[in-house]
Amino acid sequence: NMVTAALTATINNIPLLLFPSDSFATRQPDPVLQQLEVPNDLSMTASDCFKPVAKYWDRVTRPEQLMSALINAMRVLTDTANCGTAVISLPQDVQGESFDYPDYFFQKRVHHVSRRGADDYELKQAVELIKSSKKPMLISGGGVRYSEGGDAVMEFCKEFNIPVSQTQAGHSALPDSFDLSVGGIGVTGGLAANALCKDCDLVIGVGTRFNDFVTGSKWVLFRNPDIKVLAINTSEFHAEKLDATRCIGDAKVTMEALTRELKAAGYRSAYTTEIQEIRDIWEKERLSVLGVQYHGEGFGEGKFVPCVPSWTEKIMTDYIRDIGGTITESNAVGILREEIDDDAIVVAAAGSLPADLERLWVTDAKDSYNMEYGASCMGYEIAGALGSKLAAPDKEVYSLVGDGSFMMLNSEIPTAIQEGAKITIVVFDNAAFGCINNLQMGNGVGTLATEMRHRDPETGKLDGTYCYTDFAKVGEGYGMKGFTAKTPEEFREAVRAAKKETCSCIIDAKVLPKTMAEGYESWWHIGVASTSKSDAVKEARKRIDEHLAQARMY
């Protein structure tokens, strides 16, 4: 768990200090319980597993080494360009040693996190690049939230009539009601941003890593072969991706500087009505998807057709027979948005929910959308909700989690109970690892170990009836107030009832498979066999090759 946490913090540039215990430096009790033995390198231990997932790693084998180790750890933890996990491994015997540390080591240190302004040359290059563009688009990433630069980005876009999209990490730095906001972009993005960027000639990335989901596997952003990229980031590593013109600096102060320079130059984009038109089209589609409900009409042409194309009548009817739920996943998201406080915090990380939320969730409340989509760490949702509640005790906090993620890691529920920190967990139970199931079936593989079904003794496969899990009872066993919802009406009532409770709550929402939001003008490059006897796999491979022919290579 510590290694996973270290990875998640490092990917998301979150400061995390870990002190894993290590085997004895003297090697007297060797091997100790849980010690990893490496015959060709006795200095290597399980603590070495932290090296690739940490921004700083050290092993303290003498007490005096702790001084430089801690100072260097703080250097990394307060570095906006290189922040992440710092690991100081402590052998068990060294932990118990005494040492006469000098007084000056304990002097008060103030670690000021400075805002680095852009270099004059790089700022000038950025200004000239923007001036030469007619239809730029800005992508606001997590660095904008970390910099508290949302207002500066909004002022920049307003001044020069530039549309702005937000990444998962950047969402809620700007209000979604801002009239130049076009929602999420890329693989899990919506129609507005993905359609608009097709014709833009410059992408301005502010505080973004340009990960695969943001760029749409370098296809969504690069459908215009002449498009250019400007990267504003504190990290040189991230700013030099995609052959971008780099501008190294803090998001807030750099955007303020760009606004001053471009204002003096009299710049304005060439957009006329396109931004508002695509916003209107997308808003109509978004509301339509949120309102999708199943009324028992059956499945197929002229009846109910799930959003995800890989649905089958067997999947849908088996689920209703065995689980009894008729809530659509997208409608559950809509009901939740309608019923919870405007400034409530939502936390999610894995499965199909990140795509649902990036496409469908809107909020004007700053820092109310905490999506861990760097690692998309299954199980983060509950721990992240607890952390959000401790950081903002006056806000209602909702953990949106799939049944798979809930079963993987729910051990922070007792901690929430211990701390008296109320969180509300909403389990979207489609009796499957639905996101992966969609990927499998959508690429010709069929379903393989992604549905929670009993093993059928006749076939010997996991294709029997669905397994029913009472997640409300699981939560109640920990001390939570539990609710079960199988219809939209029951779900709405459960959300309302949970709001009134003072203790932590769990809502077990039985949601129909294949009813999450689907992609809009997007593509995701995933591994598909290049040779196969399956026609479905061949067709999936053909689609990949066609997109790769248009996508940027690096």
Protein backbone atom coordinates (compact mmCIF):
# COMPACT_ATOMS: atom_id res chain seq x y z
CA ASN A 1 0.00 0.00 0.00
CA MET A 2 2.84 2.42 0.76
CA VAL A 3 4.39 1.87 -2.67
CA THR A 4 1.02 2.53 -4.34
CA ALA A 5 0.57 5.69 -2.25
CA ALA A 6 4.08 6.84 -3.19
CA LEU A 7 3.33 6.32 -6.87
CA THR A 8 0.04 8.21 -6.65
CA ALA A 9 1.60 11.18 -4.85
CA THR A 10 4.57 11.37 -7.23
CA ILE A 11 2.44 11.26 -10.39
CA ASN A 12 0.18 13.99 -9.02
CA ASN A 13 3.04 16.16 -7.68
CA ILE A 14 1.69 15.90 -4.14
CA PRO A 15 4.17 16.19 -1.23
CA LEU A 16 4.31 12.93 0.74
CA LEU A 17 6.99 11.96 3.27
CA LEU A 18 7.38 8.25 4.07
CA PHE A 19 9.57 6.50 6.63
CA PRO A 20 9.45 2.77 5.77
CA SER A 21 11.14 0.49 8.25
CA ASP A 22 14.09 -1.47 6.87
CA SER A 23 16.00 -4.60 7.88
CA PHE A 24 18.78 -4.30 10.46
CA ALA A 25 21.85 -2.36 9.32
CA THR A 26 24.05 -4.73 11.36
CA ARG A 27 22.46 -7.75 9.64
CA GLN A 28 22.66 -9.61 12.95
CA PRO A 29 19.05 -10.89 12.90
CA ASP A 30 19.19 -11.87 9.26
CA PRO A 31 16.81 -12.54 7.58
CA VAL A 32 14.17 -10.87 9.72
CA LEU A 33 10.43 -11.36 9.30
CA GLN A 34 9.27 -10.09 5.89
CA GLN A 35 12.84 -9.39 4.75
CA LEU A 36 13.47 -9.73 1.04
CA GLU A 37 16.70 -11.62 0.36
CA VAL A 38 18.62 -10.78 -2.81
CA PRO A 39 21.54 -13.23 -3.05
CA ASN A 40 23.54 -11.16 -5.54
CA ASP A 41 23.13 -7.85 -3.67
CA LEU A 42 22.73 -7.97 0.11
CA SER A 43 22.30 -4.19 0.28
CA MET A 44 19.04 -4.41 -1.64
CA THR A 45 15.85 -4.68 0.42
CA ALA A 46 12.12 -4.24 -0.10
CA SER A 47 12.61 -0.50 0.53
CA ASP A 48 14.35 -0.28 -2.84
CA CYS A 49 10.91 -0.78 -4.41
CA PHE A 50 10.25 2.87 -3.58
CA LYS A 51 13.02 4.15 -5.85
CA PRO A 52 11.07 4.35 -9.13
CA VAL A 53 8.01 5.89 -7.46
CA ALA A 54 9.77 8.55 -5.37
CA LYS A 55 11.24 11.94 -6.23
CA TYR A 56 13.78 11.48 -3.42
CA TRP A 57 14.98 8.24 -1.83
CA ASP A 58 17.49 7.69 0.96
CA ARG A 59 18.47 4.98 3.41
CA VAL A 60 19.77 6.17 6.78
CA THR A 61 22.24 3.61 8.12
CA ARG A 62 23.83 5.95 10.70
CA PRO A 63 21.98 8.43 12.95
CA GLU A 64 23.95 11.44 11.71
CA GLN A 65 22.79 10.79 8.14
CA LEU A 66 19.28 11.75 9.19
CA MET A 67 20.15 15.46 9.11
CA SER A 68 21.03 15.70 5.42
CA ALA A 69 18.28 13.21 4.56
CA LEU A 70 15.56 15.35 6.14
CA ILE A 71 16.87 18.58 4.64
CA ASN A 72 16.90 17.06 1.16
CA ALA A 73 13.46 15.56 1.66
CA MET A 74 12.09 19.02 2.47
CA ARG A 75 13.82 20.40 -0.61
CA VAL A 76 11.78 18.03 -2.78
CA LEU A 77 8.53 18.40 -0.85
CA THR A 78 8.57 22.19 -1.36
CA ASP A 79 9.75 22.19 -4.98
CA THR A 80 6.81 23.01 -7.26
CA ALA A 81 8.62 21.60 -10.30
CA ASN A 82 9.77 18.35 -8.74
CA CYS A 83 7.33 17.73 -5.90
CA GLY A 84 6.27 14.19 -5.06
CA THR A 85 7.12 11.44 -2.62
CA ALA A 86 10.22 11.61 -0.45
CA VAL A 87 11.26 8.30 1.11
CA ILE A 88 13.67 7.91 4.02
CA SER A 89 14.23 4.26 4.80
CA LEU A 90 15.11 3.54 8.43
CA PRO A 91 16.70 0.21 9.50
CA GLN A 92 15.11 -1.11 12.67
CA ASP A 93 18.25 -0.97 14.78
CA VAL A 94 19.17 2.54 13.63
CA GLN A 95 15.70 3.75 14.67
CA GLY A 96 16.55 2.97 18.29
CA GLU A 97 20.01 4.55 18.37
CA SER A 98 20.79 7.73 20.31
CA PHE A 99 22.83 10.58 18.88
CA ASP A 100 23.92 14.00 20.11
CA TYR A 101 22.55 16.16 17.31
CA PRO A 102 23.91 19.74 17.15
CA ASP A 103 21.63 22.55 18.28
CA TYR A 104 21.80 24.29 14.90
CA PHE A 105 20.05 21.37 13.25
CA PHE A 106 16.92 22.23 15.26
CA GLN A 107 16.87 25.90 14.33
CA LYS A 108 13.59 27.11 12.85
CA ARG A 109 13.44 26.82 9.07
CA VAL A 110 10.80 28.48 6.92
CA HIS A 111 10.39 26.81 3.54
CA HIS A 112 8.97 29.51 1.30
CA VAL A 113 7.35 28.14 -1.83
CA SER A 114 8.32 30.77 -4.38
CA ARG A 115 6.39 31.71 -7.51
CA ARG A 116 8.84 31.58 -10.38
CA GLY A 117 8.15 34.11 -13.09
CA ALA A 118 8.85 33.30 -16.72
CA ASP A 119 12.17 34.22 -18.30
CA ASP A 120 11.93 37.37 -20.47
CA TYR A 121 12.99 35.51 -23.61
CA GLU A 122 10.54 32.64 -23.08
CA LEU A 123 7.75 35.08 -22.26
CA LYS A 124 8.43 37.00 -25.47
CA GLN A 125 8.41 33.75 -27.47
CA ALA A 126 5.07 32.81 -25.90
CA VAL A 127 3.58 36.21 -26.70
CA GLU A 128 4.68 36.03 -30.34
CA LEU A 129 3.31 32.51 -30.71
CA ILE A 130 -0.10 33.50 -29.36
CA LYS A 131 -0.17 36.66 -31.51
CA SER A 132 0.41 34.52 -34.60
CA SER A 133 -2.54 32.25 -33.80
CA LYS A 134 -6.12 32.86 -34.86
CA LYS A 135 -7.93 30.12 -32.94
CA PRO A 136 -6.01 29.09 -29.82
CA MET A 137 -7.39 26.87 -27.06
CA LEU A 138 -6.18 26.81 -23.47
CA ILE A 139 -5.98 23.62 -21.41
CA SER A 140 -6.04 24.32 -17.68
CA GLY A 141 -4.29 21.55 -15.72
CA GLY A 142 -3.65 20.62 -12.12
CA GLY A 143 -0.84 23.17 -11.91
CA VAL A 144 -3.46 25.91 -12.13
CA ARG A 145 -5.15 24.57 -9.00
CA TYR A 146 -1.84 24.19 -7.18
CA SER A 147 -0.91 27.75 -8.15
CA GLU A 148 -4.35 29.10 -7.21
CA GLY A 149 -4.29 30.59 -10.69
CA GLY A 150 -7.87 29.97 -11.80
CA ASP A 151 -8.82 33.65 -11.76
CA ALA A 152 -5.71 34.58 -13.76
CA VAL A 153 -6.53 31.96 -16.41
CA MET A 154 -10.14 33.11 -16.56
CA GLU A 155 -9.12 36.75 -16.96
CA PHE A 156 -6.69 35.78 -19.75
CA CYS A 157 -9.35 33.85 -21.65
CA LYS A 158 -11.96 36.57 -21.18
CA GLU A 159 -9.62 39.32 -22.36
CA PHE A 160 -8.64 37.53 -25.57
CA ASN A 161 -11.77 35.44 -26.27
CA ILE A 162 -9.98 32.10 -25.89
CA PRO A 163 -11.88 28.89 -25.00
CA VAL A 164 -10.61 26.96 -21.99
CA SER A 165 -10.80 23.25 -21.25
CA GLN A 166 -9.97 21.71 -17.89
CA THR A 167 -8.17 18.43 -17.24
CA GLN A 168 -9.28 16.04 -14.51
CA ALA A 169 -6.65 17.53 -12.18
CA GLY A 170 -7.56 21.08 -13.16
CA HIS A 171 -11.34 20.80 -12.84
CA SER A 172 -12.91 23.26 -10.36
CA ALA A 173 -10.09 25.80 -10.65
CA LEU A 174 -12.53 27.70 -12.89
CA PRO A 175 -16.33 27.83 -12.70
CA ASP A 176 -18.03 25.61 -15.28
CA SER A 177 -20.54 28.40 -15.90
CA PHE A 178 -17.76 30.62 -17.31
CA ASP A 179 -18.93 31.42 -20.84
CA LEU A 180 -15.62 30.37 -22.41
CA SER A 181 -15.38 27.05 -20.56
CA VAL A 182 -15.76 24.08 -22.91
CA GLY A 183 -15.42 21.24 -20.39
CA GLY A 184 -13.08 18.28 -20.38
CA ILE A 185 -10.84 17.35 -23.29
CA GLY A 186 -9.37 14.14 -24.69
CA VAL A 187 -10.31 10.52 -24.08
CA THR A 188 -12.73 11.25 -21.24
CA GLY A 189 -13.62 14.72 -22.49
CA GLY A 190 -16.88 16.04 -23.82
CA LEU A 191 -18.11 17.11 -27.22
CA ALA A 192 -17.43 20.84 -26.87
CA ALA A 193 -13.67 20.75 -26.26
CA ASN A 194 -12.97 17.79 -28.54
CA ALA A 195 -14.91 19.26 -31.45
CA LEU A 196 -13.50 22.75 -31.01
CA CYS A 197 -9.85 21.70 -30.83
CA LYS A 198 -10.14 20.04 -34.25
CA ASP A 199 -9.87 23.46 -35.89
CA CYS A 200 -7.66 25.30 -33.42
CA ASP A 201 -4.15 26.29 -34.45
CA LEU A 202 -2.53 26.60 -31.02
CA VAL A 203 -2.88 24.65 -27.79
CA ILE A 204 -1.83 26.56 -24.67
CA GLY A 205 -1.20 24.02 -21.92
CA VAL A 206 -1.05 25.61 -18.47
CA GLY A 207 0.10 23.37 -15.62
CA THR A 208 -0.63 20.13 -17.47
CA ARG A 209 1.52 17.03 -18.03
CA PHE A 210 -0.20 16.44 -21.38
CA ASN A 211 -0.92 12.87 -20.38
CA ASP A 212 -2.38 10.34 -22.78
CA PHE A 213 -5.97 11.04 -21.78
CA VAL A 214 -5.59 14.79 -22.29
CA THR A 215 -4.05 14.50 -25.77
CA GLY A 216 -6.32 11.61 -26.81
CA SER A 217 -3.26 9.46 -27.51
CA LYS A 218 -1.88 12.43 -29.48
CA TRP A 219 -4.76 12.13 -31.95
CA VAL A 220 -7.50 14.36 -30.51
CA LEU A 221 -5.16 17.36 -30.15
CA PHE A 222 -3.38 16.85 -33.46
CA ARG A 223 -6.12 16.45 -36.05
CA ASN A 224 -4.91 19.78 -37.41
CA PRO A 225 -1.42 18.81 -38.64
CA ASP A 226 -0.23 22.43 -38.41
CA ILE A 227 -1.20 22.92 -34.77
CA LYS A 228 1.41 24.35 -32.41
CA VAL A 229 1.81 23.87 -28.67
CA LEU A 230 2.75 26.34 -25.94
CA ALA A 231 3.53 24.72 -22.58
CA ILE A 232 3.49 26.83 -19.41
CA ASN A 233 4.78 24.80 -16.49
CA THR A 234 7.14 24.98 -13.53
CA SER A 235 8.63 21.68 -14.73
CA GLU A 236 11.06 21.74 -17.65
CA PHE A 237 10.37 18.04 -18.20
CA HIS A 238 6.66 18.58 -18.82
CA ALA A 239 7.15 21.87 -20.70
CA GLU A 240 9.28 20.26 -23.41
CA LYS A 241 6.78 17.58 -24.41
CA LEU A 242 5.13 17.58 -27.85
CA ASP A 243 7.89 19.83 -29.29
CA ALA A 244 6.20 22.66 -27.42
CA THR A 245 7.42 26.22 -27.14
CA ARG A 246 8.23 26.22 -23.46
CA CYS A 247 7.57 28.92 -20.91
CA ILE A 248 8.88 27.87 -17.50
CA GLY A 249 7.03 29.58 -14.69
CA ASP A 250 4.30 29.55 -12.10
CA ALA A 251 0.86 29.34 -13.70
CA LYS A 252 -0.64 32.35 -11.93
CA VAL A 253 2.17 34.87 -12.41
CA THR A 254 2.93 33.70 -15.95
CA MET A 255 -0.69 34.06 -17.05
CA GLU A 256 -0.82 37.52 -15.49
CA ALA A 257 2.34 38.50 -17.38
CA LEU A 258 0.98 37.14 -20.67
CA THR A 259 -2.26 39.06 -20.16
CA ARG A 260 -0.36 42.32 -19.72
CA GLU A 261 1.82 41.78 -22.79
CA LEU A 262 -0.96 40.63 -25.12
CA LYS A 263 -3.27 43.39 -23.94
CA ALA A 264 -0.61 45.95 -24.82
CA ALA A 265 -0.28 44.33 -28.24
CA GLY A 266 -4.04 44.54 -28.84
CA TYR A 267 -4.42 40.80 -29.48
CA ARG A 268 -7.81 39.12 -29.89
CA SER A 269 -8.64 35.66 -31.20
CA ALA A 270 -10.62 35.18 -34.42
CA TYR A 271 -13.46 33.23 -32.80
CA THR A 272 -16.92 34.65 -33.42
CA THR A 273 -19.92 32.51 -32.45
CA GLU A 274 -18.26 29.06 -32.56
CA ILE A 275 -17.56 28.78 -28.83
CA GLN A 276 -21.09 29.55 -27.68
CA GLU A 277 -22.62 27.40 -30.41
CA ILE A 278 -20.67 24.28 -29.41
CA ARG A 279 -21.33 25.01 -25.73
CA ASP A 280 -25.07 25.06 -26.43
CA ILE A 281 -24.92 21.81 -28.42
CA TRP A 282 -22.91 20.11 -25.68
CA GLU A 283 -25.14 21.34 -22.87
CA LYS A 284 -28.18 19.87 -24.61
CA GLU A 285 -26.36 16.54 -25.04
CA ARG A 286 -25.07 16.57 -21.45
CA LEU A 287 -28.53 17.07 -20.00
CA SER A 288 -29.91 14.38 -22.29
CA VAL A 289 -27.37 11.81 -21.05
CA LEU A 290 -27.98 12.76 -17.41
CA GLY A 291 -31.70 12.22 -17.91
CA VAL A 292 -31.50 8.73 -19.44
CA GLN A 293 -33.72 6.31 -17.48
CA TYR A 294 -34.85 2.72 -17.92
CA HIS A 295 -38.58 2.15 -17.45
CA GLY A 296 -38.78 -1.62 -17.93
CA GLU A 297 -39.39 -1.44 -21.67
CA GLY A 298 -36.84 -4.12 -22.52
CA PHE A 299 -33.71 -3.76 -24.61
CA GLY A 300 -33.13 -3.34 -28.32
CA GLU A 301 -34.34 -1.33 -31.28
CA GLY A 302 -37.45 0.64 -30.40
CA LYS A 303 -36.86 -0.10 -26.72
CA PHE A 304 -34.07 0.92 -24.35
CA VAL A 305 -30.61 1.12 -25.91
CA PRO A 306 -27.71 1.52 -23.42
CA CYS A 307 -25.10 4.22 -24.10
CA VAL A 308 -22.21 1.78 -24.45
CA PRO A 309 -22.32 -0.07 -27.82
CA SER A 310 -20.95 -3.34 -26.40
CA TRP A 311 -24.14 -4.07 -24.45
CA THR A 312 -25.93 -7.38 -24.93
CA GLU A 313 -29.45 -8.35 -23.97
CA LYS A 314 -28.08 -11.15 -21.77
CA ILE A 315 -25.92 -8.76 -19.74
CA MET A 316 -28.82 -6.38 -19.16
CA THR A 317 -31.55 -8.91 -18.40
CA ASP A 318 -29.29 -11.08 -16.23
CA TYR A 319 -28.38 -8.05 -14.13
CA ILE A 320 -31.99 -7.03 -13.57
CA ARG A 321 -32.94 -10.62 -12.73
CA ASP A 322 -30.08 -11.20 -10.28
CA ILE A 323 -29.40 -7.73 -8.81
CA GLY A 324 -32.69 -5.94 -9.35
CA GLY A 325 -31.24 -2.50 -10.07
CA THR A 326 -32.67 -0.29 -12.81
CA ILE A 327 -30.77 2.97 -12.22
CA THR A 328 -28.66 4.16 -15.12
CA GLU A 329 -25.17 5.25 -14.13
CA SER A 330 -25.39 8.61 -15.89
CA ASN A 331 -28.75 9.37 -14.30
CA ALA A 332 -27.34 8.57 -10.85
CA VAL A 333 -24.62 11.16 -11.47
CA GLY A 334 -27.30 13.67 -12.45
CA ILE A 335 -29.44 12.98 -9.39
CA LEU A 336 -26.42 13.32 -7.12
CA ARG A 337 -25.52 16.68 -8.68
CA GLU A 338 -29.08 17.92 -8.19
CA GLU A 339 -29.37 16.85 -4.57
CA ILE A 340 -26.03 17.61 -2.89
CA ASP A 341 -24.82 21.05 -1.82
CA ASP A 342 -23.36 23.26 -4.54
CA ASP A 343 -20.03 23.43 -2.70
CA ALA A 344 -19.90 19.76 -1.71
CA ILE A 345 -16.66 17.97 -2.58
CA VAL A 346 -16.71 14.92 -4.82
CA VAL A 347 -13.83 12.43 -4.89
CA ALA A 348 -13.27 9.72 -7.50
CA ALA A 349 -10.39 7.93 -9.19
CA ALA A 350 -11.00 4.74 -11.13
CA GLY A 351 -13.34 2.86 -13.42
CA SER A 352 -15.94 4.56 -15.58
CA LEU A 353 -16.79 7.27 -13.05
CA PRO A 354 -13.89 9.60 -13.99
CA ALA A 355 -15.21 9.76 -17.55
CA ASP A 356 -18.79 10.28 -16.33
CA LEU A 357 -17.71 13.10 -14.07
CA GLU A 358 -15.39 14.88 -16.48
CA ARG A 359 -18.12 14.88 -19.12
CA LEU A 360 -21.22 15.40 -17.00
CA TRP A 361 -20.32 17.03 -13.66
CA VAL A 362 -20.53 20.81 -13.42
CA THR A 363 -19.61 23.02 -10.50
CA ASP A 364 -18.79 26.64 -9.80
CA ALA A 365 -17.38 25.85 -6.35
CA LYS A 366 -13.62 26.23 -6.33
CA ASP A 367 -11.60 23.11 -5.40
CA SER A 368 -14.71 20.94 -5.06
CA TYR A 369 -13.71 18.30 -7.63
CA ASN A 370 -10.95 16.00 -6.38
CA MET A 371 -10.25 13.47 -9.11
CA GLU A 372 -7.14 11.29 -8.80
CA TYR A 373 -6.50 10.51 -12.45
CA GLY A 374 -2.73 10.48 -12.55
CA ALA A 375 -2.56 6.88 -11.35
CA SER A 376 -6.34 6.32 -11.43
CA CYS A 377 -5.69 4.38 -8.24
CA MET A 378 -8.45 1.91 -7.39
CA GLY A 379 -9.33 2.39 -3.74
CA TYR A 380 -8.13 5.98 -3.53
CA GLU A 381 -11.72 7.17 -3.49
CA ILE A 382 -12.44 6.46 0.18
CA ALA A 383 -9.04 7.48 1.55
CA GLY A 384 -9.16 10.60 -0.63
CA ALA A 385 -12.62 11.46 0.66
CA LEU A 386 -11.41 11.19 4.25
CA GLY A 387 -8.45 13.43 3.45
CA SER A 388 -10.74 15.94 1.76
CA LYS A 389 -13.01 15.99 4.80
CA LEU A 390 -10.11 16.54 7.19
CA ALA A 391 -8.90 19.40 4.97
CA ALA A 392 -12.37 20.94 4.62
CA PRO A 393 -14.37 19.87 7.71
CA ASP A 394 -17.19 22.33 6.97
CA LYS A 395 -17.98 20.75 3.59
CA GLU A 396 -19.98 17.64 2.74
CA VAL A 397 -17.70 15.10 1.04
CA TYR A 398 -18.85 12.34 -1.32
CA SER A 399 -16.74 9.38 -2.39
CA LEU A 400 -17.93 8.07 -5.76
CA VAL A 401 -16.63 4.55 -6.15
CA GLY A 402 -17.32 1.48 -8.25
CA ASP A 403 -17.98 -1.90 -6.68
CA GLY A 404 -14.57 -3.15 -7.84
CA SER A 405 -12.65 -0.28 -6.23
CA PHE A 406 -14.71 -0.53 -3.04
CA MET A 407 -13.86 -4.20 -2.63
CA MET A 408 -10.20 -3.52 -3.34
CA LEU A 409 -9.68 -0.93 -0.60
CA ASN A 410 -12.20 0.25 1.98
CA SER A 411 -10.00 0.09 5.07
CA GLU A 412 -10.14 3.86 5.70
CA ILE A 413 -13.80 3.59 6.71
CA PRO A 414 -12.84 2.67 10.31
CA THR A 415 -10.50 5.68 10.35
CA ALA A 416 -13.34 7.98 9.30
CA ILE A 417 -15.48 6.47 12.07
CA GLN A 418 -12.66 6.92 14.61
CA GLU A 419 -12.14 10.54 13.64
CA GLY A 420 -15.83 11.38 13.55
CA ALA A 421 -15.26 12.72 10.05
CA LYS A 422 -18.46 12.32 8.08
CA ILE A 423 -18.05 11.10 4.51
CA THR A 424 -20.73 9.68 2.25
CA ILE A 425 -19.67 6.78 0.05
CA VAL A 426 -21.76 6.16 -3.06
CA VAL A 427 -21.06 2.68 -4.45
CA PHE A 428 -21.99 2.38 -8.13
CA ASP A 429 -22.55 -1.38 -8.26
CA ASN A 430 -22.84 -2.77 -11.78
CA ALA A 431 -21.48 -6.16 -10.63
CA ALA A 432 -18.45 -5.75 -12.86
CA PHE A 433 -15.19 -4.03 -13.53
CA GLY A 434 -17.34 -2.18 -16.04
CA CYS A 435 -14.71 0.10 -17.55
CA ILE A 436 -12.38 -2.79 -18.40
CA ASN A 437 -15.30 -4.91 -19.56
CA ASN A 438 -16.23 -2.14 -22.01
CA LEU A 439 -12.66 -1.99 -23.30
CA GLN A 440 -12.53 -5.75 -23.77
CA MET A 441 -15.84 -6.05 -25.55
CA GLY A 442 -15.28 -2.89 -27.57
CA ASN A 443 -12.04 -4.30 -28.96
CA GLY A 444 -13.18 -7.75 -29.93
CA VAL A 445 -11.95 -9.65 -26.87
CA GLY A 446 -15.29 -10.44 -25.30
CA THR A 447 -15.76 -10.48 -21.56
CA LEU A 448 -12.90 -12.03 -19.60
CA ALA A 449 -12.97 -12.11 -15.77
CA THR A 450 -14.51 -8.64 -15.52
CA GLU A 451 -18.04 -9.56 -14.45
CA MET A 452 -18.91 -10.62 -10.91
CA ARG A 453 -20.66 -13.86 -11.84
CA HIS A 454 -20.77 -17.27 -10.21
CA ARG A 455 -18.93 -20.12 -11.87
CA ASP A 456 -21.37 -22.20 -13.88
CA PRO A 457 -20.75 -25.90 -13.11
CA GLU A 458 -21.95 -26.85 -16.58
CA THR A 459 -19.58 -24.59 -18.52
CA GLY A 460 -16.82 -24.40 -15.90
CA LYS A 461 -16.66 -20.65 -16.58
CA LEU A 462 -17.57 -17.51 -14.63
CA ASP A 463 -20.67 -16.98 -16.76
CA GLY A 464 -23.39 -17.98 -14.30
CA THR A 465 -25.69 -15.70 -12.33
CA TYR A 466 -24.45 -12.35 -11.04
CA CYS A 467 -23.11 -12.24 -7.48
CA TYR A 468 -25.22 -10.04 -5.21
CA THR A 469 -23.21 -8.02 -2.70
CA ASP A 470 -24.94 -5.96 -0.03
CA PHE A 471 -22.54 -3.03 0.24
CA ALA A 472 -24.87 -1.18 2.61
CA LYS A 473 -24.42 -3.99 5.14
CA VAL A 474 -20.65 -3.88 4.67
CA GLY A 475 -20.72 -0.19 5.60
CA GLU A 476 -23.08 -0.81 8.50
CA GLY A 477 -20.66 -3.41 9.81
CA TYR A 478 -18.07 -0.66 10.12
CA GLY A 479 -20.55 1.66 11.85
CA MET A 480 -21.89 3.65 8.91
CA LYS A 481 -25.52 4.41 8.14
CA GLY A 482 -26.43 2.28 5.14
CA PHE A 483 -28.89 2.79 2.28
CA THR A 484 -29.72 0.59 -0.71
CA ALA A 485 -31.18 2.02 -3.90
CA LYS A 486 -32.40 0.06 -6.93
CA THR A 487 -34.50 2.73 -8.64
CA PRO A 488 -33.87 6.42 -9.39
CA GLU A 489 -36.51 7.38 -6.82
CA GLU A 490 -34.88 5.27 -4.11
CA PHE A 491 -31.49 6.73 -4.97
CA ARG A 492 -32.76 10.30 -4.70
CA GLU A 493 -34.32 9.56 -1.32
CA ALA A 494 -31.12 7.89 -0.11
CA VAL A 495 -29.03 10.94 -1.05
CA ARG A 496 -31.47 13.23 0.75
CA ALA A 497 -31.50 11.03 3.84
CA ALA A 498 -27.71 10.76 3.94
CA LYS A 499 -27.41 14.56 3.85
CA LYS A 500 -29.40 14.76 7.09
CA GLU A 501 -27.18 12.27 8.94
CA THR A 502 -24.30 13.40 11.12
CA CYS A 503 -22.40 10.12 10.81
CA SER A 504 -20.66 8.61 7.79
CA CYS A 505 -23.05 7.03 5.29
CA ILE A 506 -22.91 4.51 2.47
CA ILE A 507 -25.35 4.38 -0.44
CA ASP A 508 -25.39 1.10 -2.35
CA ALA A 509 -26.65 2.12 -5.79
CA LYS A 510 -27.46 -0.80 -8.08
CA VAL A 511 -26.71 0.69 -11.50
CA LEU A 512 -27.31 -1.00 -14.84
CA PRO A 513 -24.20 -2.08 -16.74
CA LYS A 514 -23.32 -0.26 -19.97
CA THR A 515 -25.15 2.94 -18.94
CA MET A 516 -22.16 5.19 -18.36
CA ALA A 517 -21.36 8.13 -20.66
CA GLU A 518 -19.54 7.28 -23.88
CA GLY A 519 -16.77 9.12 -25.75
CA TYR A 520 -17.14 12.16 -28.00
CA GLU A 521 -14.82 12.59 -31.00
CA SER A 522 -12.07 10.86 -29.03
CA TRP A 523 -9.72 7.93 -29.34
CA TRP A 524 -7.58 5.94 -26.92
CA HIS A 525 -4.62 3.86 -28.07
CA ILE A 526 -4.75 0.54 -26.20
CA GLY A 527 -3.03 -2.76 -26.88
CA VAL A 528 -4.81 -4.92 -29.46
CA ALA A 529 -3.29 -7.94 -31.19
CA SER A 530 -1.91 -7.20 -34.65
CA THR A 531 -2.76 -10.73 -35.84
CA SER A 532 -5.85 -12.69 -34.86
CA LYS A 533 -8.37 -15.21 -36.16
CA SER A 534 -11.16 -13.09 -34.68
CA ASP A 535 -12.89 -10.73 -37.11
CA ALA A 536 -13.80 -8.44 -34.20
CA VAL A 537 -10.15 -8.15 -33.12
CA LYS A 538 -9.08 -7.54 -36.72
CA GLU A 539 -11.62 -4.73 -36.99
CA ALA A 540 -10.42 -3.21 -33.70
CA ARG A 541 -6.82 -3.38 -34.93
CA LYS A 542 -7.83 -1.69 -38.18
CA ARG A 543 -9.32 1.22 -36.24
CA ILE A 544 -6.12 1.58 -34.23
CA ASP A 545 -3.94 1.62 -37.34
CA GLU A 546 -6.17 4.22 -38.97
CA HIS A 547 -5.90 6.53 -35.96
CA LEU A 548 -2.17 5.94 -35.57
CA ALA A 549 -1.66 7.08 -39.14
CA GLN A 550 -3.06 10.47 -38.10
CA ALA A 551 -1.67 10.66 -34.56
CA ARG A 552 1.54 12.34 -33.54
CA MET A 553 4.33 9.82 -32.82
CA TYR A 554 5.82 11.53 -29.74
